[in-house]
All heavy atoms as atom14 arrays in JSON, in Angstrom:
{
  "sequence": "GLLDWHIGHEEPGTAIVAASPQGPFFVFQQAE",
  "atom14_mask": [
    [1, 1, 1, 1, 0, 0, 0, 0, 0, 0, 0, 0, 0, 0],
    [1, 1, 1, 1, 1, 1, 1, 1, 0, 0, 0, 0, 0, 0],
    [1, 1, 1, 1, 1, 1, 1, 1, 0, 0, 0, 0, 0, 0],
    [1, 1, 1, 1, 1, 1, 1, 1, 0, 0, 0, 0, 0, 0],
    [1, 1, 1, 1, 1, 1, 1, 1, 1, 1, 1, 1, 1, 1],
    [1, 1, 1, 1, 1, 1, 1, 1, 1, 1, 0, 0, 0, 0],
    [1, 1, 1, 1, 1, 1, 1, 1, 0, 0, 0, 0, 0, 0],
    [1, 1, 1, 1, 0, 0, 0, 0, 0, 0, 0, 0, 0, 0],
    [1, 1, 1, 1, 1, 1, 1, 1, 1, 1, 0, 0, 0, 0],
    [1, 1, 1, 1, 1, 1, 1, 1, 1, 0, 0, 0, 0, 0],
    [1, 1, 1, 1, 1, 1, 1, 1, 1, 0, 0, 0, 0, 0],
    [1, 1, 1, 1, 1, 1, 1, 0, 0, 0, 0, 0, 0, 0],
    [1, 1, 1, 1, 0, 0, 0, 0, 0, 0, 0, 0, 0, 0],
    [1, 1, 1, 1, 1, 1, 1, 0, 0, 0, 0, 0, 0, 0],
    [1, 1, 1, 1, 1, 0, 0, 0, 0, 0, 0, 0, 0, 0],
    [1, 1, 1, 1, 1, 1, 1, 1, 0, 0, 0, 0, 0, 0],
    [1, 1, 1, 1, 1, 1, 1, 0, 0, 0, 0, 0, 0, 0],
    [1, 1, 1, 1, 1, 0, 0, 0, 0, 0, 0, 0, 0, 0],
    [1, 1, 1, 1, 1, 0, 0, 0, 0, 0, 0, 0, 0, 0],
    [1, 1, 1, 1, 1, 1, 0, 0, 0, 0, 0, 0, 0, 0],
    [1, 1, 1, 1, 1, 1, 1, 0, 0, 0, 0, 0, 0, 0],
    [1, 1, 1, 1, 1, 1, 1, 1, 1, 0, 0, 0, 0, 0],
    [1, 1, 1, 1, 0, 0, 0, 0, 0, 0, 0, 0, 0, 0],
    [1, 1, 1, 1, 1, 1, 1, 0, 0, 0, 0, 0, 0, 0],
    [1, 1, 1, 1, 1, 1, 1, 1, 1, 1, 1, 0, 0, 0],
    [1, 1, 1, 1, 1, 1, 1, 1, 1, 1, 1, 0, 0, 0],
    [1, 1, 1, 1, 1, 1, 1, 0, 0, 0, 0, 0, 0, 0],
    [1, 1, 1, 1, 1, 1, 1, 1, 1, 1, 1, 0, 0, 0],
    [1, 1, 1, 1, 1, 1, 1, 1, 1, 0, 0, 0, 0, 0],
    [1, 1, 1, 1, 1, 1, 1, 1, 1, 0, 0, 0, 0, 0],
    [1, 1, 1, 1, 1, 0, 0, 0, 0, 0, 0, 0, 0, 0],
    [1, 1, 1, 1, 1, 1, 1, 1, 1, 0, 0, 0, 0, 0]
  ],
  "atom14_positions": [
    [[-43.88, -101.25, 90.45], [-44.89, -101.24, 89.4], [-45.85, -102.41, 89.49], [-47.06, -102.26, 89.31], [0.0, 0.0, 0.0], [0.0, 0.0, 0.0], [0.0, 0.0, 0.0], [0.0, 0.0, 0.0], [0.0, 0.0, 0.0], [0.0, 0.0, 0.0], [0.0, 0.0, 0.0], [0.0, 0.0, 0.0], [0.0, 0.0, 0.0], [0.0, 0.0, 0.0]],
    [[-45.32, -103.59, 89.79], [-46.14, -104.79, 89.88], [-47.17, -104.69, 91.01], [-48.33, -105.05, 90.85], [-45.24, -106.01, 90.1], [-45.93, -107.36, 90.24], [-46.49, -107.8, 88.89], [-44.95, -108.4, 90.76], [0.0, 0.0, 0.0], [0.0, 0.0, 0.0], [0.0, 0.0, 0.0], [0.0, 0.0, 0.0], [0.0, 0.0, 0.0], [0.0, 0.0, 0.0]],
    [[-46.73, -104.19, 92.17], [-47.59, -104.14, 93.35], [-48.33, -102.81, 93.52], [-49.14, -102.67, 94.43], [-46.74, -104.4, 94.61], [-46.03, -105.76, 94.65], [-45.05, -105.81, 95.82], [-47.06, -106.88, 94.75], [0.0, 0.0, 0.0], [0.0, 0.0, 0.0], [0.0, 0.0, 0.0], [0.0, 0.0, 0.0], [0.0, 0.0, 0.0], [0.0, 0.0, 0.0]],
    [[-48.01, -101.83, 92.67], [-48.56, -100.48, 92.78], [-48.19, -99.86, 94.13], [-49.0, -99.23, 94.8], [-50.07, -100.48, 92.57], [-50.61, -99.08, 92.29], [-49.84, -98.25, 91.77], [-51.79, -98.82, 92.59], [0.0, 0.0, 0.0], [0.0, 0.0, 0.0], [0.0, 0.0, 0.0], [0.0, 0.0, 0.0], [0.0, 0.0, 0.0], [0.0, 0.0, 0.0]],
    [[-46.94, -100.1, 94.55], [-46.37, -99.49, 95.75], [-45.43, -98.38, 95.3], [-45.28, -98.13, 94.11], [-45.59, -100.52, 96.56], [-46.43, -101.57, 97.23], [-47.77, -101.8, 97.07], [-45.97, -102.56, 98.15], [-48.17, -102.84, 97.84], [-47.09, -103.35, 98.51], [-44.74, -102.86, 98.7], [-47.0, -104.4, 99.41], [-44.64, -103.92, 99.58], [-45.76, -104.67, 99.95]],
    [[-44.78, -97.7, 96.22], [-43.86, -96.63, 95.85], [-42.45, -96.93, 96.35], [-42.27, -97.71, 97.28], [-44.34, -95.28, 96.38], [-44.27, -95.17, 97.88], [-45.24, -95.66, 98.71], [-43.32, -94.64, 98.69], [-44.91, -95.43, 99.97], [-43.74, -94.82, 99.98], [0.0, 0.0, 0.0], [0.0, 0.0, 0.0], [0.0, 0.0, 0.0], [0.0, 0.0, 0.0]],
    [[-41.48, -96.33, 95.69], [-40.09, -96.44, 96.15], [-39.9, -95.39, 97.23], [-39.96, -94.19, 96.96], [-39.1, -96.28, 94.99], [-39.31, -97.44, 94.0], [-37.66, -96.24, 95.51], [-38.42, -97.41, 92.79], [0.0, 0.0, 0.0], [0.0, 0.0, 0.0], [0.0, 0.0, 0.0], [0.0, 0.0, 0.0], [0.0, 0.0, 0.0], [0.0, 0.0, 0.0]],
    [[-39.71, -95.85, 98.45], [-39.61, -94.95, 99.59], [-38.22, -94.39, 99.8], [-38.07, -93.32, 100.38], [0.0, 0.0, 0.0], [0.0, 0.0, 0.0], [0.0, 0.0, 0.0], [0.0, 0.0, 0.0], [0.0, 0.0, 0.0], [0.0, 0.0, 0.0], [0.0, 0.0, 0.0], [0.0, 0.0, 0.0], [0.0, 0.0, 0.0], [0.0, 0.0, 0.0]],
    [[-37.21, -95.11, 99.33], [-35.83, -94.65, 99.5], [-34.98, -95.37, 98.47], [-35.2, -96.54, 98.18], [-35.33, -94.99, 100.91], [-33.91, -94.6, 101.16], [-33.55, -93.31, 101.44], [-32.77, -95.32, 101.12], [-32.22, -93.27, 101.6], [-31.74, -94.48, 101.41], [0.0, 0.0, 0.0], [0.0, 0.0, 0.0], [0.0, 0.0, 0.0], [0.0, 0.0, 0.0]],
    [[-33.99, -94.64, 97.95], [-33.08, -95.26, 96.98], [-31.72, -94.58, 97.09], [-31.63, -93.36, 97.18], [-33.66, -95.07, 95.57], [-32.96, -95.89, 94.52], [-33.71, -95.86, 93.19], [-34.67, -95.09, 93.04], [-33.3, -96.61, 92.31], [0.0, 0.0, 0.0], [0.0, 0.0, 0.0], [0.0, 0.0, 0.0], [0.0, 0.0, 0.0], [0.0, 0.0, 0.0]],
    [[-30.68, -95.4, 97.14], [-29.29, -94.94, 97.13], [-28.48, -96.03, 96.46], [-28.99, -97.13, 96.25], [-28.8, -94.65, 98.55], [-28.76, -95.86, 99.45], [-28.37, -95.53, 100.87], [-29.05, -94.72, 101.52], [-27.37, -96.1, 101.32], [0.0, 0.0, 0.0], [0.0, 0.0, 0.0], [0.0, 0.0, 0.0], [0.0, 0.0, 0.0], [0.0, 0.0, 0.0]],
    [[-27.24, -95.76, 96.1], [-26.45, -96.8, 95.44], [-26.37, -98.08, 96.29], [-26.0, -98.04, 97.46], [-25.07, -96.16, 95.29], [-25.35, -94.69, 95.26], [-26.52, -94.5, 96.2], [0.0, 0.0, 0.0], [0.0, 0.0, 0.0], [0.0, 0.0, 0.0], [0.0, 0.0, 0.0], [0.0, 0.0, 0.0], [0.0, 0.0, 0.0], [0.0, 0.0, 0.0]],
    [[-26.82, -99.18, 95.7], [-26.75, -100.47, 96.38], [-27.95, -100.83, 97.23], [-28.03, -101.95, 97.73], [0.0, 0.0, 0.0], [0.0, 0.0, 0.0], [0.0, 0.0, 0.0], [0.0, 0.0, 0.0], [0.0, 0.0, 0.0], [0.0, 0.0, 0.0], [0.0, 0.0, 0.0], [0.0, 0.0, 0.0], [0.0, 0.0, 0.0], [0.0, 0.0, 0.0]],
    [[-28.9, -99.91, 97.4], [-30.06, -100.18, 98.25], [-31.29, -99.44, 97.72], [-31.19, -98.3, 97.3], [-29.83, -99.73, 99.7], [-28.66, -100.36, 100.21], [-31.0, -100.05, 100.61], [0.0, 0.0, 0.0], [0.0, 0.0, 0.0], [0.0, 0.0, 0.0], [0.0, 0.0, 0.0], [0.0, 0.0, 0.0], [0.0, 0.0, 0.0], [0.0, 0.0, 0.0]],
    [[-32.43, -100.11, 97.74], [-33.71, -99.47, 97.41], [-34.79, -100.09, 98.29], [-34.74, -101.27, 98.59], [-34.04, -99.66, 95.94], [0.0, 0.0, 0.0], [0.0, 0.0, 0.0], [0.0, 0.0, 0.0], [0.0, 0.0, 0.0], [0.0, 0.0, 0.0], [0.0, 0.0, 0.0], [0.0, 0.0, 0.0], [0.0, 0.0, 0.0], [0.0, 0.0, 0.0]],
    [[-35.74, -99.26, 98.71], [-36.82, -99.72, 99.57], [-38.15, -99.44, 98.88], [-38.4, -98.32, 98.45], [-36.78, -99.02, 100.94], [-35.45, -99.33, 101.64], [-37.97, -99.44, 101.8], [-35.23, -98.54, 102.92], [0.0, 0.0, 0.0], [0.0, 0.0, 0.0], [0.0, 0.0, 0.0], [0.0, 0.0, 0.0], [0.0, 0.0, 0.0], [0.0, 0.0, 0.0]],
    [[-38.99, -100.46, 98.8], [-40.33, -100.34, 98.23], [-41.31, -100.53, 99.37], [-41.17, -101.45, 100.17], [-40.55, -101.41, 97.13], [-41.97, -101.38, 96.61], [-39.57, -101.21, 95.99], [0.0, 0.0, 0.0], [0.0, 0.0, 0.0], [0.0, 0.0, 0.0], [0.0, 0.0, 0.0], [0.0, 0.0, 0.0], [0.0, 0.0, 0.0], [0.0, 0.0, 0.0]],
    [[-42.3, -99.62, 99.45], [-43.24, -99.66, 100.57], [-44.68, -99.52, 100.09], [-44.96, -98.79, 99.15], [-42.93, -98.55, 101.55], [0.0, 0.0, 0.0], [0.0, 0.0, 0.0], [0.0, 0.0, 0.0], [0.0, 0.0, 0.0], [0.0, 0.0, 0.0], [0.0, 0.0, 0.0], [0.0, 0.0, 0.0], [0.0, 0.0, 0.0], [0.0, 0.0, 0.0]],
    [[-45.58, -100.2, 100.8], [-47.01, -100.07, 100.53], [-47.52, -98.75, 101.08], [-48.38, -98.11, 100.5], [-47.78, -101.22, 101.13], [0.0, 0.0, 0.0], [0.0, 0.0, 0.0], [0.0, 0.0, 0.0], [0.0, 0.0, 0.0], [0.0, 0.0, 0.0], [0.0, 0.0, 0.0], [0.0, 0.0, 0.0], [0.0, 0.0, 0.0], [0.0, 0.0, 0.0]],
    [[-46.97, -98.33, 102.22], [-47.33, -97.07, 102.88], [-46.17, -96.68, 103.78], [-45.25, -97.48, 104.0], [-48.61, -97.24, 103.7], [-48.35, -97.97, 104.87], [0.0, 0.0, 0.0], [0.0, 0.0, 0.0], [0.0, 0.0, 0.0], [0.0, 0.0, 0.0], [0.0, 0.0, 0.0], [0.0, 0.0, 0.0], [0.0, 0.0, 0.0], [0.0, 0.0, 0.0]],
    [[-46.18, -95.49, 104.35], [-45.09, -95.12, 105.27], [-44.95, -96.05, 106.47], [-43.88, -96.17, 107.06], [-45.47, -93.7, 105.71], [-46.28, -93.16, 104.58], [-47.06, -94.35, 104.07], [0.0, 0.0, 0.0], [0.0, 0.0, 0.0], [0.0, 0.0, 0.0], [0.0, 0.0, 0.0], [0.0, 0.0, 0.0], [0.0, 0.0, 0.0], [0.0, 0.0, 0.0]],
    [[-46.03, -96.74, 106.85], [-45.97, -97.66, 107.98], [-45.6, -99.08, 107.57], [-45.41, -99.95, 108.39], [-47.33, -97.71, 108.69], [-47.72, -96.42, 109.38], [-48.25, -95.37, 108.41], [-48.87, -95.69, 107.41], [-48.0, -94.11, 108.72], [0.0, 0.0, 0.0], [0.0, 0.0, 0.0], [0.0, 0.0, 0.0], [0.0, 0.0, 0.0], [0.0, 0.0, 0.0]],
    [[-45.49, -99.35, 106.26], [-45.12, -100.67, 105.77], [-46.3, -101.41, 105.21], [-47.39, -100.85, 105.15], [0.0, 0.0, 0.0], [0.0, 0.0, 0.0], [0.0, 0.0, 0.0], [0.0, 0.0, 0.0], [0.0, 0.0, 0.0], [0.0, 0.0, 0.0], [0.0, 0.0, 0.0], [0.0, 0.0, 0.0], [0.0, 0.0, 0.0], [0.0, 0.0, 0.0]],
    [[-46.12, -102.58, 104.78], [-44.9, -103.38, 104.76], [-43.88, -102.86, 103.77], [-44.2, -102.06, 102.89], [-45.4, -104.78, 104.37], [-46.62, -104.53, 103.57], [-47.24, -103.27, 104.14], [0.0, 0.0, 0.0], [0.0, 0.0, 0.0], [0.0, 0.0, 0.0], [0.0, 0.0, 0.0], [0.0, 0.0, 0.0], [0.0, 0.0, 0.0], [0.0, 0.0, 0.0]],
    [[-42.64, -103.33, 103.92], [-41.51, -102.89, 103.11], [-40.79, -104.07, 102.48], [-40.72, -105.14, 103.08], [-40.46, -102.18, 103.97], [-40.97, -101.03, 104.77], [-41.32, -101.19, 106.1], [-41.08, -99.77, 104.2], [-41.78, -100.14, 106.85], [-41.54, -98.71, 104.95], [-41.89, -98.88, 106.28], [0.0, 0.0, 0.0], [0.0, 0.0, 0.0], [0.0, 0.0, 0.0]],
    [[-40.24, -103.85, 101.31], [-39.23, -104.73, 100.73], [-37.96, -103.91, 100.63], [-37.97, -102.81, 100.09], [-39.62, -105.21, 99.32], [-40.73, -106.21, 99.27], [-41.71, -106.12, 98.31], [-40.79, -107.27, 100.16], [-42.73, -107.05, 98.23], [-41.82, -108.2, 100.1], [-42.78, -108.09, 99.14], [0.0, 0.0, 0.0], [0.0, 0.0, 0.0], [0.0, 0.0, 0.0]],
    [[-36.86, -104.44, 101.15], [-35.56, -103.79, 101.05], [-34.73, -104.59, 100.07], [-34.52, -105.8, 100.27], [-34.85, -103.71, 102.42], [-33.49, -103.07, 102.28], [-35.71, -102.98, 103.43], [0.0, 0.0, 0.0], [0.0, 0.0, 0.0], [0.0, 0.0, 0.0], [0.0, 0.0, 0.0], [0.0, 0.0, 0.0], [0.0, 0.0, 0.0], [0.0, 0.0, 0.0]],
    [[-34.26, -103.95, 99.01], [-33.42, -104.61, 98.0], [-32.0, -104.13, 98.21], [-31.74, -102.92, 98.23], [-33.91, -104.25, 96.6], [-35.32, -104.72, 96.33], [-36.4, -103.9, 96.59], [-35.55, -105.99, 95.85], [-37.69, -104.32, 96.36], [-36.85, -106.44, 95.61], [-37.92, -105.61, 95.87], [0.0, 0.0, 0.0], [0.0, 0.0, 0.0], [0.0, 0.0, 0.0]],
    [[-31.06, -105.07, 98.42], [-29.67, -104.73, 98.64], [-28.79, -105.42, 97.6], [-29.06, -106.56, 97.19], [-29.22, -105.15, 100.03], [-29.88, -104.34, 101.12], [-29.35, -104.67, 102.49], [-29.0, -105.82, 102.78], [-29.27, -103.67, 103.33], [0.0, 0.0, 0.0], [0.0, 0.0, 0.0], [0.0, 0.0, 0.0], [0.0, 0.0, 0.0], [0.0, 0.0, 0.0]],
    [[-27.75, -104.72, 97.22], [-26.83, -105.24, 96.2], [-26.06, -106.43, 96.74], [-25.54, -106.41, 97.85], [-25.86, -104.16, 95.76], [-24.94, -104.65, 94.66], [-24.72, -103.6, 93.62], [-24.99, -102.44, 93.84], [-24.23, -104.01, 92.48], [0.0, 0.0, 0.0], [0.0, 0.0, 0.0], [0.0, 0.0, 0.0], [0.0, 0.0, 0.0], [0.0, 0.0, 0.0]],
    [[-26.01, -107.47, 95.92], [-25.23, -108.67, 96.23], [-24.78, -109.29, 94.92], [-25.55, -109.34, 93.97], [-26.06, -109.66, 97.03], [0.0, 0.0, 0.0], [0.0, 0.0, 0.0], [0.0, 0.0, 0.0], [0.0, 0.0, 0.0], [0.0, 0.0, 0.0], [0.0, 0.0, 0.0], [0.0, 0.0, 0.0], [0.0, 0.0, 0.0], [0.0, 0.0, 0.0]],
    [[-23.57, -109.7, 94.9], [-23.03, -110.39, 93.73], [-22.85, -111.86, 94.1], [-22.62, -112.19, 95.25], [-21.68, -109.8, 93.33], [-21.72, -108.32, 92.99], [-22.56, -107.97, 91.77], [-22.67, -108.8, 90.87], [-23.12, -106.87, 91.74], [0.0, 0.0, 0.0], [0.0, 0.0, 0.0], [0.0, 0.0, 0.0], [0.0, 0.0, 0.0], [0.0, 0.0, 0.0]]
  ]
}
């Protein structure tokens, strides 16, 4: 929402936000 990008993939413990299909990407992974 902040960057006006889209969530390209999401599964339990991981989500990927991308500007476009070619990137750039942010990968968010679960960590405690």
